[in-house]
PDB file of N, CA and C in Angstrom:
ATOM      1  N   GLN A   1       0.600  -1.148   0.019  1.00  0.00           N
ATOM      2  CA  GLN A   1      -0.309  -0.266   0.269  1.00  0.00           C
ATOM      3  C   GLN A   1       1.126   1.394   0.546  1.00  0.00           C
ATOM      4  N   VAL A   2       1.563   1.530   0.760  1.00  0.00           N
ATOM      5  CA  VAL A   2       2.820   2.727   0.866  1.00  0.00           C
ATOM      6  C   VAL A   2       3.724   3.420   0.035  1.00  0.00           C
ATOM      7  N   GLN A   3       4.278   1.511  -1.316  1.00  0.00           N
ATOM      8  CA  GLN A   3       4.332   1.818  -2.651  1.00  0.00           C
ATOM      9  C   GLN A   3       3.552   2.662  -3.512  1.00  0.00           C
ATOM     10  N   SER A   4       2.216   2.051  -3.806  1.00  0.00           N
ATOM     11  CA  SER A   4       1.204   2.568  -4.195  1.00  0.00           C
ATOM     12  C   SER A   4       0.633   3.938  -3.685  1.00  0.00           C
ATOM     13  N   ILE A   5       0.976   4.584  -2.745  1.00  0.00           N
ATOM     14  CA  ILE A   5       1.090   5.794  -2.296  1.00  0.00           C
ATOM     15  C   ILE A   5       2.609   7.360  -3.029  1.00  0.00           C
ATOM     16  N   LEU A   6       3.178   6.077  -2.841  1.00  0.00           N
ATOM     17  CA  LEU A   6       4.696   6.770  -3.117  1.00  0.00           C
ATOM     18  C   LEU A   6       5.251   6.929  -4.846  1.00  0.00           C
ATOM     19  N   LEU A   7       4.495   6.009  -5.628  1.00  0.00           N
ATOM     20  CA  LEU A   7       4.342   6.065  -6.891  1.00  0.00           C
ATOM     21  C   LEU A   7       3.270   7.016  -7.873  1.00  0.00           C
ATOM     22  N   VAL A   8       2.604   7.561  -6.908  1.00  0.00           N
ATOM     23  CA  VAL A   8       1.685   8.866  -7.237  1.00  0.00           C
ATOM     24  C   VAL A   8       2.356  10.019  -7.623  1.00  0.00           C
ATOM     25  N   PRO A   9       2.777  10.462  -6.720  1.00  0.00           N
ATOM     26  CA  PRO A   9       2.779  12.097  -7.733  1.00  0.00           C
ATOM     27  C   PRO A   9       4.173  11.980  -9.059  1.00  0.00           C
ATOM     28  N   ASP A  10       3.644  12.399  -9.797  1.00  0.00           N
ATOM     29  CA  ASP A  10       4.094  12.817 -11.380  1.00  0.00           C
ATOM     30  C   ASP A  10       5.569  12.582 -11.266  1.00  0.00           C
ATOM     31  N   GLY A  11       6.125  11.970 -10.954  1.00  0.00           N
ATOM     32  CA  GLY A  11       7.873  12.166 -11.152  1.00  0.00           C
ATOM     33  C   GLY A  11       8.399  13.059 -12.770  1.00  0.00           C
ATOM     34  N   THR A  12       7.810  13.301 -13.503  1.00  0.00           N
ATOM     35  CA  THR A  12       8.058  14.087 -14.376  1.00  0.00           C
ATOM     36  C   THR A  12       7.338  15.918 -14.376  1.00  0.00           C
ATOM     37  N   THR A  13       7.109  16.536 -13.007  1.00  0.00           N
ATOM     38  CA  THR A  13       6.812  17.766 -12.615  1.00  0.00           C
ATOM     39  C   THR A  13       7.717  18.400 -11.532  1.00  0.00           C
ATOM     40  N   PRO A  14       7.856  19.288 -11.804  1.00  0.00           N
ATOM     41  CA  PRO A  14       8.713  20.300 -10.075  1.00  0.00           C
ATOM     42  C   PRO A  14       7.295  19.674  -8.787  1.00  0.00           C
ATOM     43  N   GLN A  15       6.271  19.798  -9.263  1.00  0.00           N
ATOM     44  CA  GLN A  15       6.165  19.630  -8.382  1.00  0.00           C
ATOM     45  C   GLN A  15       5.532  17.846  -7.947  1.00  0.00           C
ATOM     46  N   GLY A  16       5.765  17.618  -8.657  1.00  0.00           N
ATOM     47  CA  GLY A  16       5.442  16.128  -8.288  1.00  0.00           C
ATOM     48  C   GLY A  16       6.907  15.438  -7.581  1.00  0.00           C
ATOM     49  N   LEU A  17       8.179  16.200  -8.200  1.00  0.00           N
ATOM     50  CA  LEU A  17       9.545  16.134  -7.686  1.00  0.00           C
ATOM     51  C   LEU A  17       9.460  16.598  -5.808  1.00  0.00           C
ATOM     52  N   ARG A  18       8.627  17.737  -5.509  1.00  0.00           N
ATOM     53  CA  ARG A  18       8.438  17.667  -4.405  1.00  0.00           C
ATOM     54  C   ARG A  18       7.821  17.149  -3.617  1.00  0.00           C
ATOM     55  N   ASP A  19       6.080  16.559  -4.041  1.00  0.00           N
ATOM     56  CA  ASP A  19       5.325  15.632  -3.432  1.00  0.00           C
ATOM     57  C   ASP A  19       5.809  14.150  -2.833  1.00  0.00           C
ATOM     58  N   ARG A  20       6.527  13.473  -4.090  1.00  0.00           N
ATOM     59  CA  ARG A  20       7.705  12.503  -3.757  1.00  0.00           C
ATOM     60  C   ARG A  20       8.564  12.262  -3.271  1.00  0.00           C
ATOM     61  N   ALA A  21       9.307  13.478  -3.222  1.00  0.00           N
ATOM     62  CA  ALA A  21      10.406  13.765  -1.779  1.00  0.00           C
ATOM     63  C   ALA A  21       9.382  13.938  -0.341  1.00  0.00           C
ATOM     64  N   ILE A  22       9.055  14.737  -0.611  1.00  0.00           N
ATOM     65  CA  ILE A  22       8.086  15.033   0.665  1.00  0.00           C
ATOM     66  C   ILE A  22       7.324  13.649   1.914  1.00  0.00           C
ATOM     67  N   LEU A  23       6.952  12.342   0.277  1.00  0.00           N
ATOM     68  CA  LEU A  23       6.315  10.621   1.288  1.00  0.00           C
ATOM     69  C   LEU A  23       7.470  10.274   1.593  1.00  0.00           C
ATOM     70  N   GLU A  24       8.655  10.198   0.821  1.00  0.00           N
ATOM     71  CA  GLU A  24       9.713   9.564   1.646  1.00  0.00           C
ATOM     72  C   GLU A  24      10.210   9.641   2.385  1.00  0.00           C
ATOM     73  N   VAL A  25      10.719  11.798   2.996  1.00  0.00           N
ATOM     74  CA  VAL A  25      11.612  12.189   3.064  1.00  0.00           C
ATOM     75  C   VAL A  25      10.153  11.242   4.541  1.00  0.00           C
ATOM     76  N   ALA A  26       9.339  12.149   4.388  1.00  0.00           N
ATOM     77  CA  ALA A  26       7.628  11.654   5.684  1.00  0.00           C
ATOM     78  C   ALA A  26       8.227   9.868   6.117  1.00  0.00           C
ATOM     79  N   TYR A  27       7.654   9.543   5.306  1.00  0.00           N
ATOM     80  CA  TYR A  27       7.895   8.316   5.241  1.00  0.00           C
ATOM     81  C   TYR A  27       8.387   7.468   6.045  1.00  0.00           C
ATOM     82  N   GLY A  28       9.677   7.795   5.092  1.00  0.00           N
ATOM     83  CA  GLY A  28      11.587   7.220   5.738  1.00  0.00           C
ATOM     84  C   GLY A  28      11.637   7.663   7.138  1.00  0.00           C
ATOM     85  N   SER A  29      12.186   8.740   7.376  1.00  0.00           N
ATOM     86  CA  SER A  29      12.367   8.911   8.808  1.00  0.00           C
ATOM     87  C   SER A  29      11.882   9.523   9.710  1.00  0.00           C
ATOM     88  N   GLY A  30      10.212   9.232   9.517  1.00  0.00           N
ATOM     89  CA  GLY A  30       8.955   9.393  10.800  1.00  0.00           C
ATOM     90  C   GLY A  30       8.724  10.429  11.353  1.00  0.00           C
ATOM     91  N   LEU A  31       8.396  11.911  10.139  1.00  0.00           N
ATOM     92  CA  LEU A  31       9.595  13.128  10.708  1.00  0.00           C
ATOM     93  C   LEU A  31       7.924  13.291  11.235  1.00  0.00           C
ATOM     94  N   ARG A  32       7.087  14.457  12.510  1.00  0.00           N
ATOM     95  CA  ARG A  32       6.154  14.623  12.242  1.00  0.00           C
ATOM     96  C   ARG A  32       6.244  15.726  11.651  1.00  0.00           C
ATOM     97  N   LYS A  33       4.086  15.847  11.247  1.00  0.00           N
ATOM     98  CA  LYS A  33       3.982  17.388  10.438  1.00  0.00           C
ATOM     99  C   LYS A  33       5.062  18.004  10.246  1.00  0.00           C
ATOM    100  N   GLY A  34       4.608  18.953  11.218  1.00  0.00           N
ATOM    101  CA  GLY A  34       5.073  19.934  12.172  1.00  0.00           C
ATOM    102  C   GLY A  34       6.885  20.544  11.218  1.00  0.00           C
ATOM    103  N   GLU A  35       7.786  19.187  12.010  1.00  0.00           N
ATOM    104  CA  GLU A  35       9.140  19.106  11.932  1.00  0.00           C
ATOM    105  C   GLU A  35       9.178  18.956   9.920  1.00  0.00           C
ATOM    106  N   LEU A  36       8.492  18.120   9.486  1.00  0.00           N
ATOM    107  CA  LEU A  36       9.096  18.434   7.854  1.00  0.00           C
ATOM    108  C   LEU A  36       8.496  19.109   7.172  1.00  0.00           C
ATOM    109  N   SER A  37       7.837  20.098   7.951  1.00  0.00           N
ATOM    110  CA  SER A  37       6.853  21.119   6.588  1.00  0.00           C
ATOM    111  C   SER A  37       8.445  22.516   7.789  1.00  0.00           C
ATOM    112  N   GLU A  38       8.753  22.467   8.621  1.00  0.00           N
ATOM    113  CA  GLU A  38      10.208  23.657   8.859  1.00  0.00           C
ATOM    114  C   GLU A  38      11.382  23.244   7.944  1.00  0.00           C
ATOM    115  N   LEU A  39      11.519  21.878   7.211  1.00  0.00           N
ATOM    116  CA  LEU A  39      12.467  21.721   7.215  1.00  0.00           C
ATOM    117  C   LEU A  39      13.078  22.400   6.447  1.00  0.00           C
ATOM    118  N   SER A  40      14.495  23.331   5.811  1.00  0.00           N
ATOM    119  CA  SER A  40      15.580  24.298   5.802  1.00  0.00           C
ATOM    120  C   SER A  40      16.248  23.412   4.865  1.00  0.00           C
ATOM    121  N   LEU A  41      16.973  23.822   4.085  1.00  0.00           N
ATOM    122  CA  LEU A  41      18.234  23.446   3.355  1.00  0.00           C
ATOM    123  C   LEU A  41      19.941  23.234   3.734  1.00  0.00           C
ATOM    124  N   GLY A  42      19.823  23.681   4.382  1.00  0.00           N
ATOM    125  CA  GLY A  42      20.842  23.767   5.840  1.00  0.00           C
ATOM    126  C   GLY A  42      20.622  22.725   6.626  1.00  0.00           C
ATOM    127  N   SER A  43      19.100  21.755   6.714  1.00  0.00           N
ATOM    128  CA  SER A  43      18.593  20.558   7.578  1.00  0.00           C
ATOM    129  C   SER A  43      19.320  19.387   6.729  1.00  0.00           C
ATOM    130  N   ILE A  44      20.139  19.535   5.438  1.00  0.00           N
ATOM    131  CA  ILE A  44      19.510  18.529   5.029  1.00  0.00           C
ATOM    132  C   ILE A  44      21.301  18.181   4.777  1.00  0.00           C
ATOM    133  N   ASP A  45      21.993  16.878   4.932  1.00  0.00           N
ATOM    134  CA  ASP A  45      22.946  16.697   4.518  1.00  0.00           C
ATOM    135  C   ASP A  45      22.882  14.833   3.686  1.00  0.00           C
ATOM    136  N   LEU A  46      22.813  15.600   2.113  1.00  0.00           N
ATOM    137  CA  LEU A  46      22.522  14.599   1.051  1.00  0.00           C
ATOM    138  C   LEU A  46      23.534  13.475   1.554  1.00  0.00           C
ATOM    139  N   ALA A  47      25.359  13.509   1.606  1.00  0.00           N
ATOM    140  CA  ALA A  47      26.134  12.894   1.622  1.00  0.00           C
ATOM    141  C   ALA A  47      26.235  12.426   2.506  1.00  0.00           C
ATOM    142  N   GLU A  48      25.808  12.559   4.501  1.00  0.00           N
ATOM    143  CA  GLU A  48      25.424  11.193   5.411  1.00  0.00           C
ATOM    144  C   GLU A  48      24.745  11.172   5.529  1.00  0.00           C
ATOM    145  N   GLN A  49      23.862  11.443   4.183  1.00  0.00           N
ATOM    146  CA  GLN A  49      22.459  11.173   4.438  1.00  0.00           C
ATOM    147  C   GLN A  49      21.195  11.025   5.753  1.00  0.00           C
ATOM    148  N   THR A  50      21.811  12.328   6.182  1.00  0.00           N
ATOM    149  CA  THR A  50      21.012  13.082   7.155  1.00  0.00           C
ATOM    150  C   THR A  50      20.756  13.968   7.435  1.00  0.00           C
ATOM    151  N   LEU A  51      19.411  14.654   8.135  1.00  0.00           N
ATOM    152  CA  LEU A  51      18.390  15.851   8.362  1.00  0.00           C
ATOM    153  C   LEU A  51      18.728  16.215  10.583  1.00  0.00           C
ATOM    154  N   ILE A  52      18.598  16.932  10.285  1.00  0.00           N
ATOM    155  CA  ILE A  52      18.805  17.979  11.472  1.00  0.00           C
ATOM    156  C   ILE A  52      17.651  18.428  12.144  1.00  0.00           C
ATOM    157  N   ILE A  53      17.177  18.259  13.163  1.00  0.00           N
ATOM    158  CA  ILE A  53      15.696  18.339  12.733  1.00  0.00           C
ATOM    159  C   ILE A  53      15.494  19.407  14.549  1.00  0.00           C
ATOM    160  N   ARG A  54      15.161  20.818  14.062  1.00  0.00           N
ATOM    161  CA  ARG A  54      15.423  21.631  14.842  1.00  0.00           C
ATOM    162  C   ARG A  54      14.091  21.222  15.586  1.00  0.00           C
ATOM    163  N   ASN A  55      14.232  22.507  17.169  1.00  0.00           N
ATOM    164  CA  ASN A  55      13.352  23.160  18.168  1.00  0.00           C
ATOM    165  C   ASN A  55      12.208  22.004  17.510  1.00  0.00           C
ATOM    166  N   THR A  56      12.019  20.515  18.077  1.00  0.00           N
ATOM    167  CA  THR A  56      11.256  19.616  18.451  1.00  0.00           C
ATOM    168  C   THR A  56      11.271  20.335  19.150  1.00  0.00           C
ATOM    169  N   LYS A  57       9.175  19.076  19.467  1.00  0.00           N
ATOM    170  CA  LYS A  57       8.105  19.219  20.814  1.00  0.00           C
ATOM    171  C   LYS A  57       8.849  19.314  22.163  1.00  0.00           C
ATOM    172  N   ASN A  58       9.644  18.637  22.384  1.00  0.00           N
ATOM    173  CA  ASN A  58      10.848  18.975  23.059  1.00  0.00           C
ATOM    174  C   ASN A  58      12.048  20.005  23.499  1.00  0.00           C
ATOM    175  N   SER A  59      11.981  20.466  22.520  1.00  0.00           N
ATOM    176  CA  SER A  59      13.191  21.638  21.998  1.00  0.00           C
ATOM    177  C   SER A  59      14.504  20.804  22.088  1.00  0.00           C
ATOM    178  N   TRP A  60      14.150  19.981  21.517  1.00  0.00           N
ATOM    179  CA  TRP A  60      15.985  19.987  21.643  1.00  0.00           C
ATOM    180  C   TRP A  60      15.845  19.277  20.171  1.00  0.00           C
ATOM    181  N   ASP A  61      17.682  19.282  19.238  1.00  0.00           N
ATOM    182  CA  ASP A  61      18.583  19.337  18.006  1.00  0.00           C
ATOM    183  C   ASP A  61      17.873  18.315  17.838  1.00  0.00           C
ATOM    184  N   ARG A  62      17.886  17.054  16.958  1.00  0.00           N
ATOM    185  CA  ARG A  62      18.349  15.387  16.772  1.00  0.00           C
ATOM    186  C   ARG A  62      18.004  15.607  15.055  1.00  0.00           C
ATOM    187  N   LEU A  63      19.242  14.585  15.198  1.00  0.00           N
ATOM    188  CA  LEU A  63      19.710  14.340  13.642  1.00  0.00           C
ATOM    189  C   LEU A  63      18.915  12.588  13.298  1.00  0.00           C
ATOM    190  N   VAL A  64      18.142  12.614  12.133  1.00  0.00           N
ATOM    191  CA  VAL A  64      17.591  11.670  12.401  1.00  0.00           C
ATOM    192  C   VAL A  64      17.705  11.006  10.697  1.00  0.00           C
ATOM    193  N   PRO A  65      18.442  10.037  10.570  1.00  0.00           N
ATOM    194  CA  PRO A  65      18.595   9.213   8.714  1.00  0.00           C
ATOM    195  C   PRO A  65      18.173   9.498   7.583  1.00  0.00           C
ATOM    196  N   LEU A  66      18.490   9.168   7.012  1.00  0.00           N
ATOM    197  CA  LEU A  66      17.681   9.513   5.890  1.00  0.00           C
ATOM    198  C   LEU A  66      17.423   7.962   4.968  1.00  0.00           C
ATOM    199  N   THR A  67      16.399   7.526   4.782  1.00  0.00           N
ATOM    200  CA  THR A  67      16.951   6.331   4.095  1.00  0.00           C
ATOM    201  C   THR A  67      17.466   6.704   2.602  1.00  0.00           C
ATOM    202  N   HIS A  68      18.300   5.784   1.476  1.00  0.00           N
ATOM    203  CA  HIS A  68      18.039   5.712   0.190  1.00  0.00           C
ATOM    204  C   HIS A  68      17.072   5.937  -0.918  1.00  0.00           C
ATOM    205  N   ALA A  69      16.063   6.381  -0.632  1.00  0.00           N
ATOM    206  CA  ALA A  69      14.914   6.177  -1.555  1.00  0.00           C
ATOM    207  C   ALA A  69      14.638   7.936  -1.610  1.00  0.00           C
ATOM    208  N   ALA A  70      15.065   8.059   0.041  1.00  0.00           N
ATOM    209  CA  ALA A  70      14.758   9.531   1.009  1.00  0.00           C
ATOM    210  C   ALA A  70      16.008  10.681   0.244  1.00  0.00           C
ATOM    211  N   CYS A  71      16.988  10.476   0.339  1.00  0.00           N
ATOM    212  CA  CYS A  71      17.742  10.790  -0.137  1.00  0.00           C
ATOM    213  C   CYS A  71      17.857  10.398  -2.457  1.00  0.00           C
ATOM    214  N   GLU A  72      17.546   9.519  -2.666  1.00  0.00           N
ATOM    215  CA  GLU A  72      17.455   9.955  -4.566  1.00  0.00           C
ATOM    216  C   GLU A  72      16.037  10.856  -4.722  1.00  0.00           C
ATOM    217  N   ALA A  73      15.328  10.556  -4.218  1.00  0.00           N
ATOM    218  CA  ALA A  73      13.971  12.145  -4.182  1.00  0.00           C
ATOM    219  C   ALA A  73      14.842  13.058  -3.228  1.00  0.00           C
ATOM    220  N   LEU A  74      14.933  13.556  -2.930  1.00  0.00           N
ATOM    221  CA  LEU A  74      15.326  15.033  -2.541  1.00  0.00           C
ATOM    222  C   LEU A  74      17.257  14.919  -3.494  1.00  0.00           C
ATOM    223  N   GLY A  75      17.384  14.579  -3.556  1.00  0.00           N
ATOM    224  CA  GLY A  75      18.261  15.479  -4.944  1.00  0.00           C
ATOM    225  C   GLY A  75      17.758  15.367  -6.757  1.00  0.00           C
ATOM    226  N   ARG A  76      16.170  14.559  -6.704  1.00  0.00           N
ATOM    227  CA  ARG A  76      15.638  14.917  -8.358  1.00  0.00           C
ATOM    228  C   ARG A  76      15.316  16.263  -7.367  1.00  0.00           C
ATOM    229  N   TYR A  77      14.329  16.355  -6.802  1.00  0.00           N
ATOM    230  CA  TYR A  77      13.970  17.134  -6.188  1.00  0.00           C
ATOM    231  C   TYR A  77      14.385  18.542  -5.938  1.00  0.00           C
ATOM    232  N   LEU A  78      15.282  18.921  -4.927  1.00  0.00           N
ATOM    233  CA  LEU A  78      16.595  19.840  -4.979  1.00  0.00           C
ATOM    234  C   LEU A  78      17.622  20.553  -7.174  1.00  0.00           C
ATOM    235  N   SER A  79      17.936  18.991  -7.597  1.00  0.00           N
ATOM    236  CA  SER A  79      18.837  19.792  -8.729  1.00  0.00           C
ATOM    237  C   SER A  79      17.285  19.920 -10.017  1.00  0.00           C
ATOM    238  N   ASP A  80      15.881  19.108  -9.901  1.00  0.00           N
ATOM    239  CA  ASP A  80      15.614  19.542 -10.881  1.00  0.00           C
ATOM    240  C   ASP A  80      14.571  19.677 -11.078  1.00  0.00           C
ATOM    241  N   GLY A  81      13.579  19.776  -9.862  1.00  0.00           N
ATOM    242  CA  GLY A  81      12.487  20.605  -9.173  1.00  0.00           C
ATOM    243  C   GLY A  81      12.301  21.809  -8.206  1.00  0.00           C
ATOM    244  N   ARG A  82      12.900  22.117  -8.223  1.00  0.00           N
ATOM    245  CA  ARG A  82      13.422  23.478  -6.538  1.00  0.00           C
ATOM    246  C   ARG A  82      13.341  24.263  -7.648  1.00  0.00           C
ATOM    247  N   HIS A  83      13.855  25.172  -8.797  1.00  0.00           N
ATOM    248  CA  HIS A  83      14.157  25.938  -8.740  1.00  0.00           C
ATOM    249  C   HIS A  83      13.297  26.285  -9.583  1.00  0.00           C
ATOM    250  N   HIS A  84      12.071  25.908  -9.917  1.00  0.00           N
ATOM    251  CA  HIS A  84      10.702  25.696 -10.943  1.00  0.00           C
ATOM    252  C   HIS A  84       9.763  26.826 -10.095  1.00  0.00           C
ATOM    253  N   LEU A  85      10.105  26.015  -8.711  1.00  0.00           N
ATOM    254  CA  LEU A  85       9.165  26.754  -7.864  1.00  0.00           C
ATOM    255  C   LEU A  85       9.686  27.641  -7.161  1.00  0.00           C
ATOM    256  N   SER A  86      10.796  28.019  -7.497  1.00  0.00           N
ATOM    257  CA  SER A  86      11.521  29.274  -6.817  1.00  0.00           C
ATOM    258  C   SER A  86      10.764  30.615  -7.075  1.00  0.00           C
ATOM    259  N   GLY A  87      10.865  31.085  -5.983  1.00  0.00           N
ATOM    260  CA  GLY A  87      10.502  32.485  -6.422  1.00  0.00           C
ATOM    261  C   GLY A  87      11.502  34.157  -5.736  1.00  0.00           C
ATOM    262  N   PRO A  88      10.290  34.802  -6.304  1.00  0.00           N
ATOM    263  CA  PRO A  88      12.124  36.375  -5.580  1.00  0.00           C
ATOM    264  C   PRO A  88      12.037  36.485  -4.396  1.00  0.00           C
ATOM    265  N   LEU A  89      11.248  35.810  -3.380  1.00  0.00           N
ATOM    266  CA  LEU A  89      11.048  35.402  -2.157  1.00  0.00           C
ATOM    267  C   LEU A  89      11.200  34.468  -1.176  1.00  0.00           C
ATOM    268  N   THR A  90      11.986  33.190  -1.585  1.00  0.00           N
ATOM    269  CA  THR A  90      12.538  31.887  -1.426  1.00  0.00           C
ATOM    270  C   THR A  90      12.732  31.487  -0.558  1.00  0.00           C
ATOM    271  N   GLY A  91      13.787  32.372  -0.006  1.00  0.00           N
ATOM    272  CA  GLY A  91      14.932  31.937   1.208  1.00  0.00           C
ATOM    273  C   GLY A  91      14.909  30.567   1.467  1.00  0.00           C
ATOM    274  N   SER A  92      15.569  30.146   1.912  1.00  0.00           N
ATOM    275  CA  SER A  92      16.093  28.278   2.807  1.00  0.00           C
ATOM    276  C   SER A  92      15.141  27.719   3.002  1.00  0.00           C
ATOM    277  N   ALA A  93      14.103  28.046   2.503  1.00  0.00           N
ATOM    278  CA  ALA A  93      12.556  26.648   2.976  1.00  0.00           C
ATOM    279  C   ALA A  93      13.450  25.939   1.694  1.00  0.00           C
ATOM    280  N   LEU A  94      12.862  24.418   2.516  1.00  0.00           N
ATOM    281  CA  LEU A  94      12.782  22.819   1.346  1.00  0.00           C
ATOM    282  C   LEU A  94      12.206  22.976   1.105  1.00  0.00           C
ATOM    283  N   TRP A  95      10.898  23.068   0.957  1.00  0.00           N
ATOM    284  CA  TRP A  95       9.336  23.021  -0.123  1.00  0.00           C
ATOM    285  C   TRP A  95       8.869  24.266   0.078  1.00  0.00           C
ATOM    286  N   LEU A  96       9.000  24.137  -1.326  1.00  0.00           N
ATOM    287  CA  LEU A  96       7.470  25.795  -2.249  1.00  0.00           C
ATOM    288  C   LEU A  96       6.593  24.730  -2.702  1.00  0.00           C
TER     289      LEU A  96
END
């Protein structure tokens, strides 16, 4: 069932690349929706396959592993999708 959900976003569009990356990160790392929405470009370390989650509900920072599939989806989104969704006030938010 999870595989069928992960395959729903259209990987040929910037929005689809973003949505696939969101699903892979959320599912693979077990993030809460608030943690997922607060991610910035500085939260990601693809080389180390980790995320740093800041200001968690316990006010602690934590290091979260990324699955291989999540790293691949994030890499595709960052290289092929994000710049198509960005605007003049984009800032460092990961999800646009």
